[in-house]
Amino acid sequence: MTFRDYIWGIWLVTLLSLVAFVFVVRFVDPDSTGIAGKLLFYLSLFFVGSGIFNLVLLRLRKGTLNAETASSNIGLSFRQGMLLALFMIGLLVLQSFRVLVWWDGLLLFGGIFLIELYFVSKE
């Protein structure tokens, strides 16, 4: 698979995830569906966020590095996009429980950062 095919695939999956997210926001009532509605909301938002973060990180790497190096860092961008989406979802979950304060967000960021350091050290 070429770099261009990968970008188009991520665009397509992100667009489909965005459509699913809009449907969930528009047609699912979180009060009547309970945990299933909230889980659908967070899951669809995770896929949208990871796709957008992945595309942004790939664009930044392609702009700062040459195309060969950017295409070799596809896995890195994918992992970091998923971790950023997980951070975003974590912040939203904390806010939904009304326990989000700045130090909780900082602790969540530290946890995500430690996960990234673990993966970097394995390479």
PDB file of N, CA and C in Angstrom:
ATOM      1  N   MET A   1       0.842  -1.163   0.000  1.00  0.00           N
ATOM      2  CA  MET A   1       0.000   0.000   0.000  1.00  0.00           C
ATOM      3  C   MET A   1       0.897   1.239   0.000  1.00  0.00           C
ATOM      4  N   THR A   2       0.586   2.169  -0.849  1.00  0.00           N
ATOM      5  CA  THR A   2       1.376   3.388  -0.932  1.00  0.00           C
ATOM      6  C   THR A   2       0.911   4.390   0.113  1.00  0.00           C
ATOM      7  N   PHE A   3       1.715   5.416   0.280  1.00  0.00           N
ATOM      8  CA  PHE A   3       1.398   6.476   1.238  1.00  0.00           C
ATOM      9  C   PHE A   3       0.104   7.176   0.851  1.00  0.00           C
ATOM     10  N   ARG A   4      -0.079   7.387  -0.421  1.00  0.00           N
ATOM     11  CA  ARG A   4      -1.289   8.065  -0.903  1.00  0.00           C
ATOM     12  C   ARG A   4      -2.542   7.217  -0.650  1.00  0.00           C
ATOM     13  N   ASP A   5      -2.435   5.901  -0.861  1.00  0.00           N
ATOM     14  CA  ASP A   5      -3.561   5.004  -0.580  1.00  0.00           C
ATOM     15  C   ASP A   5      -3.911   5.009   0.901  1.00  0.00           C
ATOM     16  N   TYR A   6      -2.900   5.048   1.737  1.00  0.00           N
ATOM     17  CA  TYR A   6      -3.131   5.088   3.178  1.00  0.00           C
ATOM     18  C   TYR A   6      -3.875   6.366   3.576  1.00  0.00           C
ATOM     19  N   ILE A   7      -3.437   7.483   3.004  1.00  0.00           N
ATOM     20  CA  ILE A   7      -4.099   8.766   3.308  1.00  0.00           C
ATOM     21  C   ILE A   7      -5.559   8.723   2.878  1.00  0.00           C
ATOM     22  N   TRP A   8      -5.839   8.205   1.684  1.00  0.00           N
ATOM     23  CA  TRP A   8      -7.218   8.116   1.213  1.00  0.00           C
ATOM     24  C   TRP A   8      -8.050   7.177   2.086  1.00  0.00           C
ATOM     25  N   GLY A   9      -7.451   6.091   2.523  1.00  0.00           N
ATOM     26  CA  GLY A   9      -8.160   5.170   3.403  1.00  0.00           C
ATOM     27  C   GLY A   9      -8.512   5.807   4.732  1.00  0.00           C
ATOM     28  N   ILE A  10      -7.571   6.552   5.294  1.00  0.00           N
ATOM     29  CA  ILE A  10      -7.844   7.243   6.565  1.00  0.00           C
ATOM     30  C   ILE A  10      -8.905   8.314   6.369  1.00  0.00           C
ATOM     31  N   TRP A  11      -8.854   9.030   5.241  1.00  0.00           N
ATOM     32  CA  TRP A  11      -9.891  10.025   4.949  1.00  0.00           C
ATOM     33  C   TRP A  11     -11.269   9.366   4.891  1.00  0.00           C
ATOM     34  N   LEU A  12     -11.347   8.246   4.210  1.00  0.00           N
ATOM     35  CA  LEU A  12     -12.623   7.555   4.055  1.00  0.00           C
ATOM     36  C   LEU A  12     -13.157   7.055   5.399  1.00  0.00           C
ATOM     37  N   VAL A  13     -12.291   6.433   6.188  1.00  0.00           N
ATOM     38  CA  VAL A  13     -12.719   5.930   7.495  1.00  0.00           C
ATOM     39  C   VAL A  13     -13.115   7.087   8.418  1.00  0.00           C
ATOM     40  N   THR A  14     -12.380   8.180   8.371  1.00  0.00           N
ATOM     41  CA  THR A  14     -12.718   9.344   9.193  1.00  0.00           C
ATOM     42  C   THR A  14     -14.044   9.946   8.764  1.00  0.00           C
ATOM     43  N   LEU A  15     -14.275  10.022   7.478  1.00  0.00           N
ATOM     44  CA  LEU A  15     -15.547  10.558   6.986  1.00  0.00           C
ATOM     45  C   LEU A  15     -16.723   9.667   7.393  1.00  0.00           C
ATOM     46  N   LEU A  16     -16.561   8.347   7.255  1.00  0.00           N
ATOM     47  CA  LEU A  16     -17.619   7.430   7.682  1.00  0.00           C
ATOM     48  C   LEU A  16     -17.844   7.507   9.192  1.00  0.00           C
ATOM     49  N   SER A  17     -16.771   7.668   9.953  1.00  0.00           N
ATOM     50  CA  SER A  17     -16.905   7.814  11.397  1.00  0.00           C
ATOM     51  C   SER A  17     -17.593   9.118  11.758  1.00  0.00           C
ATOM     52  N   LEU A  18     -17.327  10.159  10.995  1.00  0.00           N
ATOM     53  CA  LEU A  18     -17.998  11.434  11.233  1.00  0.00           C
ATOM     54  C   LEU A  18     -19.489  11.332  10.954  1.00  0.00           C
ATOM     55  N   VAL A  19     -19.851  10.622   9.895  1.00  0.00           N
ATOM     56  CA  VAL A  19     -21.269  10.399   9.593  1.00  0.00           C
ATOM     57  C   VAL A  19     -21.925   9.605  10.726  1.00  0.00           C
ATOM     58  N   ALA A  20     -21.239   8.578  11.221  1.00  0.00           N
ATOM     59  CA  ALA A  20     -21.774   7.792  12.341  1.00  0.00           C
ATOM     60  C   ALA A  20     -21.900   8.651  13.592  1.00  0.00           C
ATOM     61  N   PHE A  21     -20.933   9.522  13.833  1.00  0.00           N
ATOM     62  CA  PHE A  21     -20.996  10.413  14.994  1.00  0.00           C
ATOM     63  C   PHE A  21     -22.177  11.373  14.895  1.00  0.00           C
ATOM     64  N   VAL A  22     -22.394  11.917  13.711  1.00  0.00           N
ATOM     65  CA  VAL A  22     -23.538  12.827  13.523  1.00  0.00           C
ATOM     66  C   VAL A  22     -24.849  12.086  13.746  1.00  0.00           C
ATOM     67  N   PHE A  23     -24.950  10.856  13.242  1.00  0.00           N
ATOM     68  CA  PHE A  23     -26.161  10.061  13.476  1.00  0.00           C
ATOM     69  C   PHE A  23     -26.363   9.781  14.965  1.00  0.00           C
ATOM     70  N   VAL A  24     -25.303   9.482  15.672  1.00  0.00           N
ATOM     71  CA  VAL A  24     -25.426   9.212  17.102  1.00  0.00           C
ATOM     72  C   VAL A  24     -25.867  10.467  17.841  1.00  0.00           C
ATOM     73  N   VAL A  25     -25.279  11.602  17.514  1.00  0.00           N
ATOM     74  CA  VAL A  25     -25.655  12.849  18.183  1.00  0.00           C
ATOM     75  C   VAL A  25     -27.089  13.229  17.851  1.00  0.00           C
ATOM     76  N   ARG A  26     -27.478  12.994  16.623  1.00  0.00           N
ATOM     77  CA  ARG A  26     -28.809  13.428  16.187  1.00  0.00           C
ATOM     78  C   ARG A  26     -29.923  12.481  16.648  1.00  0.00           C
ATOM     79  N   PHE A  27     -29.687  11.180  16.625  1.00  0.00           N
ATOM     80  CA  PHE A  27     -30.785  10.237  16.811  1.00  0.00           C
ATOM     81  C   PHE A  27     -30.732   9.418  18.103  1.00  0.00           C
ATOM     82  N   VAL A  28     -29.667   9.484  18.868  1.00  0.00           N
ATOM     83  CA  VAL A  28     -29.576   8.676  20.084  1.00  0.00           C
ATOM     84  C   VAL A  28     -29.761   9.589  21.293  1.00  0.00           C
ATOM     85  N   ASP A  29     -30.738   9.251  22.119  1.00  0.00           N
ATOM     86  CA  ASP A  29     -30.991   9.991  23.345  1.00  0.00           C
ATOM     87  C   ASP A  29     -30.231   9.311  24.482  1.00  0.00           C
ATOM     88  N   PRO A  30     -29.242   9.996  25.085  1.00  0.00           N
ATOM     89  CA  PRO A  30     -28.446   9.331  26.113  1.00  0.00           C
ATOM     90  C   PRO A  30     -29.237   9.027  27.386  1.00  0.00           C
ATOM     91  N   ASP A  31     -30.308   9.759  27.635  1.00  0.00           N
ATOM     92  CA  ASP A  31     -31.099   9.493  28.829  1.00  0.00           C
ATOM     93  C   ASP A  31     -31.906   8.208  28.707  1.00  0.00           C
ATOM     94  N   SER A  32     -32.462   7.962  27.522  1.00  0.00           N
ATOM     95  CA  SER A  32     -33.298   6.775  27.363  1.00  0.00           C
ATOM     96  C   SER A  32     -32.483   5.518  27.028  1.00  0.00           C
ATOM     97  N   THR A  33     -31.328   5.676  26.377  1.00  0.00           N
ATOM     98  CA  THR A  33     -30.543   4.492  26.008  1.00  0.00           C
ATOM     99  C   THR A  33     -29.552   4.088  27.089  1.00  0.00           C
ATOM    100  N   GLY A  34     -29.262   4.964  28.020  1.00  0.00           N
ATOM    101  CA  GLY A  34     -28.364   4.625  29.119  1.00  0.00           C
ATOM    102  C   GLY A  34     -26.922   4.534  28.681  1.00  0.00           C
ATOM    103  N   ILE A  35     -26.258   3.510  29.169  1.00  0.00           N
ATOM    104  CA  ILE A  35     -24.826   3.360  28.932  1.00  0.00           C
ATOM    105  C   ILE A  35     -24.509   3.046  27.469  1.00  0.00           C
ATOM    106  N   ALA A  36     -25.417   2.384  26.786  1.00  0.00           N
ATOM    107  CA  ALA A  36     -25.170   2.037  25.378  1.00  0.00           C
ATOM    108  C   ALA A  36     -25.084   3.293  24.513  1.00  0.00           C
ATOM    109  N   GLY A  37     -25.959   4.267  24.747  1.00  0.00           N
ATOM    110  CA  GLY A  37     -25.922   5.507  23.981  1.00  0.00           C
ATOM    111  C   GLY A  37     -24.656   6.299  24.237  1.00  0.00           C
ATOM    112  N   LYS A  38     -24.237   6.346  25.490  1.00  0.00           N
ATOM    113  CA  LYS A  38     -23.003   7.057  25.817  1.00  0.00           C
ATOM    114  C   LYS A  38     -21.787   6.342  25.235  1.00  0.00           C
ATOM    115  N   LEU A  39     -21.809   5.016  25.272  1.00  0.00           N
ATOM    116  CA  LEU A  39     -20.711   4.250  24.694  1.00  0.00           C
ATOM    117  C   LEU A  39     -20.617   4.462  23.182  1.00  0.00           C
ATOM    118  N   LEU A  40     -21.762   4.488  22.498  1.00  0.00           N
ATOM    119  CA  LEU A  40     -21.762   4.775  21.058  1.00  0.00           C
ATOM    120  C   LEU A  40     -21.219   6.172  20.772  1.00  0.00           C
ATOM    121  N   PHE A  41     -21.594   7.132  21.599  1.00  0.00           N
ATOM    122  CA  PHE A  41     -21.120   8.505  21.428  1.00  0.00           C
ATOM    123  C   PHE A  41     -19.606   8.575  21.561  1.00  0.00           C
ATOM    124  N   TYR A  42     -19.084   8.025  22.656  1.00  0.00           N
ATOM    125  CA  TYR A  42     -17.643   8.101  22.887  1.00  0.00           C
ATOM    126  C   TYR A  42     -16.854   7.279  21.875  1.00  0.00           C
ATOM    127  N   LEU A  43     -17.376   6.147  21.476  1.00  0.00           N
ATOM    128  CA  LEU A  43     -16.679   5.300  20.501  1.00  0.00           C
ATOM    129  C   LEU A  43     -16.625   5.967  19.125  1.00  0.00           C
ATOM    130  N   SER A  44     -17.738   6.530  18.686  1.00  0.00           N
ATOM    131  CA  SER A  44     -17.725   7.204  17.379  1.00  0.00           C
ATOM    132  C   SER A  44     -16.855   8.455  17.423  1.00  0.00           C
ATOM    133  N   LEU A  45     -16.876   9.177  18.539  1.00  0.00           N
ATOM    134  CA  LEU A  45     -16.015  10.346  18.665  1.00  0.00           C
ATOM    135  C   LEU A  45     -14.544   9.947  18.706  1.00  0.00           C
ATOM    136  N   PHE A  46     -14.235   8.808  19.317  1.00  0.00           N
ATOM    137  CA  PHE A  46     -12.859   8.320  19.333  1.00  0.00           C
ATOM    138  C   PHE A  46     -12.355   8.053  17.917  1.00  0.00           C
ATOM    139  N   PHE A  47     -13.178   7.397  17.093  1.00  0.00           N
ATOM    140  CA  PHE A  47     -12.753   7.103  15.725  1.00  0.00           C
ATOM    141  C   PHE A  47     -12.588   8.375  14.896  1.00  0.00           C
ATOM    142  N   VAL A  48     -13.486   9.337  15.089  1.00  0.00           N
ATOM    143  CA  VAL A  48     -13.350  10.608  14.373  1.00  0.00           C
ATOM    144  C   VAL A  48     -12.080  11.327  14.822  1.00  0.00           C
ATOM    145  N   GLY A  49     -11.881  11.393  16.134  1.00  0.00           N
ATOM    146  CA  GLY A  49     -10.705  12.084  16.667  1.00  0.00           C
ATOM    147  C   GLY A  49      -9.404  11.424  16.258  1.00  0.00           C
ATOM    148  N   SER A  50      -9.346  10.102  16.326  1.00  0.00           N
ATOM    149  CA  SER A  50      -8.103   9.433  15.943  1.00  0.00           C
ATOM    150  C   SER A  50      -7.810   9.612  14.461  1.00  0.00           C
ATOM    151  N   GLY A  51      -8.832   9.610  13.623  1.00  0.00           N
ATOM    152  CA  GLY A  51      -8.615   9.839  12.199  1.00  0.00           C
ATOM    153  C   GLY A  51      -8.122  11.246  11.911  1.00  0.00           C
ATOM    154  N   ILE A  52      -8.744  12.223  12.555  1.00  0.00           N
ATOM    155  CA  ILE A  52      -8.333  13.619  12.332  1.00  0.00           C
ATOM    156  C   ILE A  52      -6.929  13.853  12.866  1.00  0.00           C
ATOM    157  N   PHE A  53      -6.655  13.372  14.078  1.00  0.00           N
ATOM    158  CA  PHE A  53      -5.307  13.545  14.633  1.00  0.00           C
ATOM    159  C   PHE A  53      -4.263  12.826  13.790  1.00  0.00           C
ATOM    160  N   ASN A  54      -4.603  11.653  13.286  1.00  0.00           N
ATOM    161  CA  ASN A  54      -3.681  10.909  12.434  1.00  0.00           C
ATOM    162  C   ASN A  54      -3.369  11.701  11.165  1.00  0.00           C
ATOM    163  N   LEU A  55      -4.392  12.242  10.536  1.00  0.00           N
ATOM    164  CA  LEU A  55      -4.174  13.019   9.314  1.00  0.00           C
ATOM    165  C   LEU A  55      -3.365  14.290   9.577  1.00  0.00           C
ATOM    166  N   VAL A  56      -3.653  14.956  10.690  1.00  0.00           N
ATOM    167  CA  VAL A  56      -2.916  16.178  11.029  1.00  0.00           C
ATOM    168  C   VAL A  56      -1.448  15.852  11.311  1.00  0.00           C
ATOM    169  N   LEU A  57      -1.208  14.800  12.061  1.00  0.00           N
ATOM    170  CA  LEU A  57       0.175  14.428  12.366  1.00  0.00           C
ATOM    171  C   LEU A  57       0.929  13.992  11.116  1.00  0.00           C
ATOM    172  N   LEU A  58       0.264  13.274  10.229  1.00  0.00           N
ATOM    173  CA  LEU A  58       0.916  12.905   8.970  1.00  0.00           C
ATOM    174  C   LEU A  58       1.235  14.131   8.132  1.00  0.00           C
ATOM    175  N   ARG A  59       0.327  15.091   8.107  1.00  0.00           N
ATOM    176  CA  ARG A  59       0.560  16.323   7.351  1.00  0.00           C
ATOM    177  C   ARG A  59       1.728  17.105   7.938  1.00  0.00           C
ATOM    178  N   LEU A  60       1.800  17.179   9.263  1.00  0.00           N
ATOM    179  CA  LEU A  60       2.908  17.885   9.906  1.00  0.00           C
ATOM    180  C   LEU A  60       4.240  17.192   9.622  1.00  0.00           C
ATOM    181  N   ARG A  61       4.232  15.873   9.680  1.00  0.00           N
ATOM    182  CA  ARG A  61       5.474  15.147   9.404  1.00  0.00           C
ATOM    183  C   ARG A  61       5.877  15.275   7.945  1.00  0.00           C
ATOM    184  N   LYS A  62       4.903  15.275   7.047  1.00  0.00           N
ATOM    185  CA  LYS A  62       5.223  15.412   5.632  1.00  0.00           C
ATOM    186  C   LYS A  62       5.742  16.815   5.326  1.00  0.00           C
ATOM    187  N   GLY A  63       5.241  17.818   6.053  1.00  0.00           N
ATOM    188  CA  GLY A  63       5.698  19.181   5.838  1.00  0.00           C
ATOM    189  C   GLY A  63       7.084  19.442   6.392  1.00  0.00           C
ATOM    190  N   THR A  64       7.420  18.800   7.512  1.00  0.00           N
ATOM    191  CA  THR A  64       8.725  19.047   8.114  1.00  0.00           C
ATOM    192  C   THR A  64       9.785  18.067   7.638  1.00  0.00           C
ATOM    193  N   LEU A  65       9.379  16.863   7.305  1.00  0.00           N
ATOM    194  CA  LEU A  65      10.324  15.853   6.836  1.00  0.00           C
ATOM    195  C   LEU A  65      10.103  15.603   5.347  1.00  0.00           C
ATOM    196  N   ASN A  66      10.963  14.835   4.754  1.00  0.00           N
ATOM    197  CA  ASN A  66      10.721  14.496   3.357  1.00  0.00           C
ATOM    198  C   ASN A  66       9.663  13.388   3.287  1.00  0.00           C
ATOM    199  N   ALA A  67       9.177  13.111   2.108  1.00  0.00           N
ATOM    200  CA  ALA A  67       8.057  12.187   1.933  1.00  0.00           C
ATOM    201  C   ALA A  67       8.422  10.764   2.331  1.00  0.00           C
ATOM    202  N   GLU A  68       9.671  10.360   2.100  1.00  0.00           N
ATOM    203  CA  GLU A  68      10.083   8.996   2.457  1.00  0.00           C
ATOM    204  C   GLU A  68      10.082   8.792   3.958  1.00  0.00           C
ATOM    205  N   THR A  69      10.585   9.763   4.701  1.00  0.00           N
ATOM    206  CA  THR A  69      10.618   9.657   6.154  1.00  0.00           C
ATOM    207  C   THR A  69       9.209   9.720   6.727  1.00  0.00           C
ATOM    208  N   ALA A  70       8.366  10.563   6.152  1.00  0.00           N
ATOM    209  CA  ALA A  70       6.983  10.665   6.623  1.00  0.00           C
ATOM    210  C   ALA A  70       6.232   9.365   6.387  1.00  0.00           C
ATOM    211  N   SER A  71       6.473   8.728   5.249  1.00  0.00           N
ATOM    212  CA  SER A  71       5.778   7.469   4.982  1.00  0.00           C
ATOM    213  C   SER A  71       6.305   6.336   5.850  1.00  0.00           C
ATOM    214  N   SER A  72       7.548   6.441   6.320  1.00  0.00           N
ATOM    215  CA  SER A  72       8.062   5.403   7.219  1.00  0.00           C
ATOM    216  C   SER A  72       7.557   5.601   8.645  1.00  0.00           C
ATOM    217  N   ASN A  73       7.028   6.775   8.953  1.00  0.00           N
ATOM    218  CA  ASN A  73       6.501   7.072  10.285  1.00  0.00           C
ATOM    219  C   ASN A  73       4.985   6.964  10.356  1.00  0.00           C
ATOM    220  N   ILE A  74       4.385   6.184   9.494  1.00  0.00           N
ATOM    221  CA  ILE A  74       2.932   6.032   9.493  1.00  0.00           C
ATOM    222  C   ILE A  74       2.452   5.414  10.803  1.00  0.00           C
ATOM    223  N   GLY A  75       3.142   4.398  11.276  1.00  0.00           N
ATOM    224  CA  GLY A  75       2.755   3.738  12.526  1.00  0.00           C
ATOM    225  C   GLY A  75       2.851   4.672  13.712  1.00  0.00           C
ATOM    226  N   LEU A  76       3.866   5.519  13.724  1.00  0.00           N
ATOM    227  CA  LEU A  76       4.036   6.492  14.796  1.00  0.00           C
ATOM    228  C   LEU A  76       2.884   7.488  14.807  1.00  0.00           C
ATOM    229  N   SER A  77       2.512   7.993  13.641  1.00  0.00           N
ATOM    230  CA  SER A  77       1.398   8.938  13.556  1.00  0.00           C
ATOM    231  C   SER A  77       0.081   8.278  13.948  1.00  0.00           C
ATOM    232  N   PHE A  78      -0.103   7.032  13.544  1.00  0.00           N
ATOM    233  CA  PHE A  78      -1.323   6.311  13.887  1.00  0.00           C
ATOM    234  C   PHE A  78      -1.434   6.129  15.399  1.00  0.00           C
ATOM    235  N   ARG A  79      -0.354   5.700  16.032  1.00  0.00           N
ATOM    236  CA  ARG A  79      -0.364   5.496  17.477  1.00  0.00           C
ATOM    237  C   ARG A  79      -0.583   6.813  18.224  1.00  0.00           C
ATOM    238  N   GLN A  80       0.107   7.860  17.811  1.00  0.00           N
ATOM    239  CA  GLN A  80      -0.038   9.139  18.490  1.00  0.00           C
ATOM    240  C   GLN A  80      -1.416   9.738  18.266  1.00  0.00           C
ATOM    241  N   GLY A  81      -2.006   9.514  17.089  1.00  0.00           N
ATOM    242  CA  GLY A  81      -3.369   9.977  16.844  1.00  0.00           C
ATOM    243  C   GLY A  81      -4.368   9.269  17.743  1.00  0.00           C
ATOM    244  N   MET A  82      -4.165   7.970  17.927  1.00  0.00           N
ATOM    245  CA  MET A  82      -5.060   7.224  18.822  1.00  0.00           C
ATOM    246  C   MET A  82      -4.879   7.665  20.271  1.00  0.00           C
ATOM    247  N   LEU A  83      -3.652   7.933  20.692  1.00  0.00           N
ATOM    248  CA  LEU A  83      -3.423   8.383  22.061  1.00  0.00           C
ATOM    249  C   LEU A  83      -3.998   9.771  22.299  1.00  0.00           C
ATOM    250  N   LEU A  84      -3.900  10.654  21.320  1.00  0.00           N
ATOM    251  CA  LEU A  84      -4.508  11.977  21.455  1.00  0.00           C
ATOM    252  C   LEU A  84      -6.029  11.892  21.514  1.00  0.00           C
ATOM    253  N   ALA A  85      -6.603  10.995  20.722  1.00  0.00           N
ATOM    254  CA  ALA A  85      -8.050  10.791  20.781  1.00  0.00           C
ATOM    255  C   ALA A  85      -8.451  10.203  22.124  1.00  0.00           C
ATOM    256  N   LEU A  86      -7.648   9.301  22.658  1.00  0.00           N
ATOM    257  CA  LEU A  86      -7.915   8.735  23.977  1.00  0.00           C
ATOM    258  C   LEU A  86      -7.838   9.812  25.052  1.00  0.00           C
ATOM    259  N   PHE A  87      -6.894  10.733  24.922  1.00  0.00           N
ATOM    260  CA  PHE A  87      -6.796  11.861  25.845  1.00  0.00           C
ATOM    261  C   PHE A  87      -8.043  12.741  25.762  1.00  0.00           C
ATOM    262  N   MET A  88      -8.493  13.007  24.552  1.00  0.00           N
ATOM    263  CA  MET A  88      -9.691  13.821  24.358  1.00  0.00           C
ATOM    264  C   MET A  88     -10.916  13.139  24.975  1.00  0.00           C
ATOM    265  N   ILE A  89     -11.069  11.850  24.740  1.00  0.00           N
ATOM    266  CA  ILE A  89     -12.199  11.106  25.298  1.00  0.00           C
ATOM    267  C   ILE A  89     -12.095  11.059  26.816  1.00  0.00           C
ATOM    268  N   GLY A  90     -10.898  10.880  27.331  1.00  0.00           N
ATOM    269  CA  GLY A  90     -10.702  10.874  28.780  1.00  0.00           C
ATOM    270  C   GLY A  90     -11.114  12.191  29.412  1.00  0.00           C
ATOM    271  N   LEU A  91     -10.759  13.302  28.774  1.00  0.00           N
ATOM    272  CA  LEU A  91     -11.181  14.605  29.279  1.00  0.00           C
ATOM    273  C   LEU A  91     -12.701  14.751  29.252  1.00  0.00           C
ATOM    274  N   LEU A  92     -13.328  14.278  28.185  1.00  0.00           N
ATOM    275  CA  LEU A  92     -14.785  14.367  28.093  1.00  0.00           C
ATOM    276  C   LEU A  92     -15.482  13.480  29.121  1.00  0.00           C
ATOM    277  N   VAL A  93     -14.930  12.304  29.381  1.00  0.00           N
ATOM    278  CA  VAL A  93     -15.517  11.421  30.397  1.00  0.00           C
ATOM    279  C   VAL A  93     -15.380  12.045  31.778  1.00  0.00           C
ATOM    280  N   LEU A  94     -14.213  12.604  32.071  1.00  0.00           N
ATOM    281  CA  LEU A  94     -14.045  13.283  33.353  1.00  0.00           C
ATOM    282  C   LEU A  94     -15.017  14.457  33.486  1.00  0.00           C
ATOM    283  N   GLN A  95     -15.215  15.205  32.409  1.00  0.00           N
ATOM    284  CA  GLN A  95     -16.153  16.320  32.444  1.00  0.00           C
ATOM    285  C   GLN A  95     -17.583  15.829  32.612  1.00  0.00           C
ATOM    286  N   SER A  96     -17.919  14.695  32.015  1.00  0.00           N
ATOM    287  CA  SER A  96     -19.293  14.194  32.147  1.00  0.00           C
ATOM    288  C   SER A  96     -19.590  13.760  33.576  1.00  0.00           C
ATOM    289  N   PHE A  97     -18.556  13.330  34.310  1.00  0.00           N
ATOM    290  CA  PHE A  97     -18.733  12.999  35.720  1.00  0.00           C
ATOM    291  C   PHE A  97     -18.560  14.212  36.622  1.00  0.00           C
ATOM    292  N   ARG A  98     -18.278  15.362  36.039  1.00  0.00           N
ATOM    293  CA  ARG A  98     -18.079  16.622  36.745  1.00  0.00           C
ATOM    294  C   ARG A  98     -16.907  16.567  37.729  1.00  0.00           C
ATOM    295  N   VAL A  99     -15.846  15.876  37.335  1.00  0.00           N
ATOM    296  CA  VAL A  99     -14.654  15.810  38.181  1.00  0.00           C
ATOM    297  C   VAL A  99     -13.424  16.369  37.465  1.00  0.00           C
ATOM    298  N   LEU A 100     -13.610  17.000  36.322  1.00  0.00           N
ATOM    299  CA  LEU A 100     -12.468  17.514  35.564  1.00  0.00           C
ATOM    300  C   LEU A 100     -11.998  18.829  36.168  1.00  0.00           C
ATOM    301  N   VAL A 101     -10.793  18.801  36.677  1.00  0.00           N
ATOM    302  CA  VAL A 101     -10.081  20.011  37.088  1.00  0.00           C
ATOM    303  C   VAL A 101      -8.708  19.940  36.438  1.00  0.00           C
ATOM    304  N   TRP A 102      -7.952  20.988  36.514  1.00  0.00           N
ATOM    305  CA  TRP A 102      -6.735  21.054  35.717  1.00  0.00           C
ATOM    306  C   TRP A 102      -5.728  19.977  36.112  1.00  0.00           C
ATOM    307  N   TRP A 103      -5.646  19.620  37.376  1.00  0.00           N
ATOM    308  CA  TRP A 103      -4.662  18.614  37.757  1.00  0.00           C
ATOM    309  C   TRP A 103      -5.090  17.208  37.331  1.00  0.00           C
ATOM    310  N   ASP A 104      -6.398  16.966  37.233  1.00  0.00           N
ATOM    311  CA  ASP A 104      -6.841  15.680  36.692  1.00  0.00           C
ATOM    312  C   ASP A 104      -6.498  15.566  35.212  1.00  0.00           C
ATOM    313  N   GLY A 105      -6.682  16.657  34.480  1.00  0.00           N
ATOM    314  CA  GLY A 105      -6.295  16.669  33.073  1.00  0.00           C
ATOM    315  C   GLY A 105      -4.796  16.496  32.910  1.00  0.00           C
ATOM    316  N   LEU A 106      -4.039  17.091  33.813  1.00  0.00           N
ATOM    317  CA  LEU A 106      -2.582  16.956  33.766  1.00  0.00           C
ATOM    318  C   LEU A 106      -2.154  15.522  34.095  1.00  0.00           C
ATOM    319  N   LEU A 107      -2.835  14.886  35.051  1.00  0.00           N
ATOM    320  CA  LEU A 107      -2.536  13.484  35.363  1.00  0.00           C
ATOM    321  C   LEU A 107      -2.890  12.570  34.196  1.00  0.00           C
ATOM    322  N   LEU A 108      -4.012  12.835  33.543  1.00  0.00           N
ATOM    323  CA  LEU A 108      -4.380  12.055  32.371  1.00  0.00           C
ATOM    324  C   LEU A 108      -3.349  12.234  31.262  1.00  0.00           C
ATOM    325  N   PHE A 109      -2.907  13.455  31.062  1.00  0.00           N
ATOM    326  CA  PHE A 109      -1.867  13.721  30.064  1.00  0.00           C
ATOM    327  C   PHE A 109      -0.583  12.977  30.422  1.00  0.00           C
ATOM    328  N   GLY A 110      -0.221  12.977  31.704  1.00  0.00           N
ATOM    329  CA  GLY A 110       0.966  12.257  32.138  1.00  0.00           C
ATOM    330  C   GLY A 110       0.852  10.760  31.881  1.00  0.00           C
ATOM    331  N   GLY A 111      -0.335  10.196  32.100  1.00  0.00           N
ATOM    332  CA  GLY A 111      -0.539   8.780  31.820  1.00  0.00           C
ATOM    333  C   GLY A 111      -0.404   8.462  30.344  1.00  0.00           C
ATOM    334  N   ILE A 112      -0.999   9.300  29.496  1.00  0.00           N
ATOM    335  CA  ILE A 112      -0.883   9.114  28.045  1.00  0.00           C
ATOM    336  C   ILE A 112       0.575   9.280  27.610  1.00  0.00           C
ATOM    337  N   PHE A 113       1.260  10.231  28.211  1.00  0.00           N
ATOM    338  CA  PHE A 113       2.666  10.463  27.893  1.00  0.00           C
ATOM    339  C   PHE A 113       3.521   9.250  28.281  1.00  0.00           C
ATOM    340  N   LEU A 114       3.220   8.635  29.429  1.00  0.00           N
ATOM    341  CA  LEU A 114       3.958   7.443  29.843  1.00  0.00           C
ATOM    342  C   LEU A 114       3.714   6.267  28.896  1.00  0.00           C
ATOM    343  N   ILE A 115       2.497   6.151  28.398  1.00  0.00           N
ATOM    344  CA  ILE A 115       2.201   5.103  27.418  1.00  0.00           C
ATOM    345  C   ILE A 115       3.032   5.324  26.153  1.00  0.00           C
ATOM    346  N   GLU A 116       3.102   6.572  25.697  1.00  0.00           N
ATOM    347  CA  GLU A 116       3.902   6.879  24.507  1.00  0.00           C
ATOM    348  C   GLU A 116       5.389   6.607  24.765  1.00  0.00           C
ATOM    349  N   LEU A 117       5.878   6.956  25.952  1.00  0.00           N
ATOM    350  CA  LEU A 117       7.278   6.671  26.271  1.00  0.00           C
ATOM    351  C   LEU A 117       7.564   5.186  26.298  1.00  0.00           C
ATOM    352  N   TYR A 118       6.592   4.398  26.759  1.00  0.00           N
ATOM    353  CA  TYR A 118       6.758   2.950  26.741  1.00  0.00           C
ATOM    354  C   TYR A 118       6.935   2.443  25.317  1.00  0.00           C
ATOM    355  N   PHE A 119       6.079   2.904  24.400  1.00  0.00           N
ATOM    356  CA  PHE A 119       6.182   2.453  23.021  1.00  0.00           C
ATOM    357  C   PHE A 119       7.461   2.949  22.344  1.00  0.00           C
ATOM    358  N   VAL A 120       7.888   4.154  22.675  1.00  0.00           N
ATOM    359  CA  VAL A 120       9.134   4.673  22.093  1.00  0.00           C
ATOM    360  C   VAL A 120      10.317   3.876  22.604  1.00  0.00           C
ATOM    361  N   SER A 121      10.298   3.497  23.882  1.00  0.00           N
ATOM    362  CA  SER A 121      11.425   2.741  24.429  1.00  0.00           C
ATOM    363  C   SER A 121      11.483   1.325  23.870  1.00  0.00           C
ATOM    364  N   LYS A 122      10.340   0.770  23.458  1.00  0.00           N
ATOM    365  CA  LYS A 122      10.321  -0.562  22.865  1.00  0.00           C
ATOM    366  C   LYS A 122      10.949  -0.562  21.476  1.00  0.00           C
ATOM    367  N   GLU A 123      10.931   0.571  20.794  1.00  0.00           N
ATOM    368  CA  GLU A 123      11.521   0.677  19.457  1.00  0.00           C
ATOM    369  C   GLU A 123      12.983   0.875  19.615  1.00  0.00           C
TER     370      GLU A 123
END
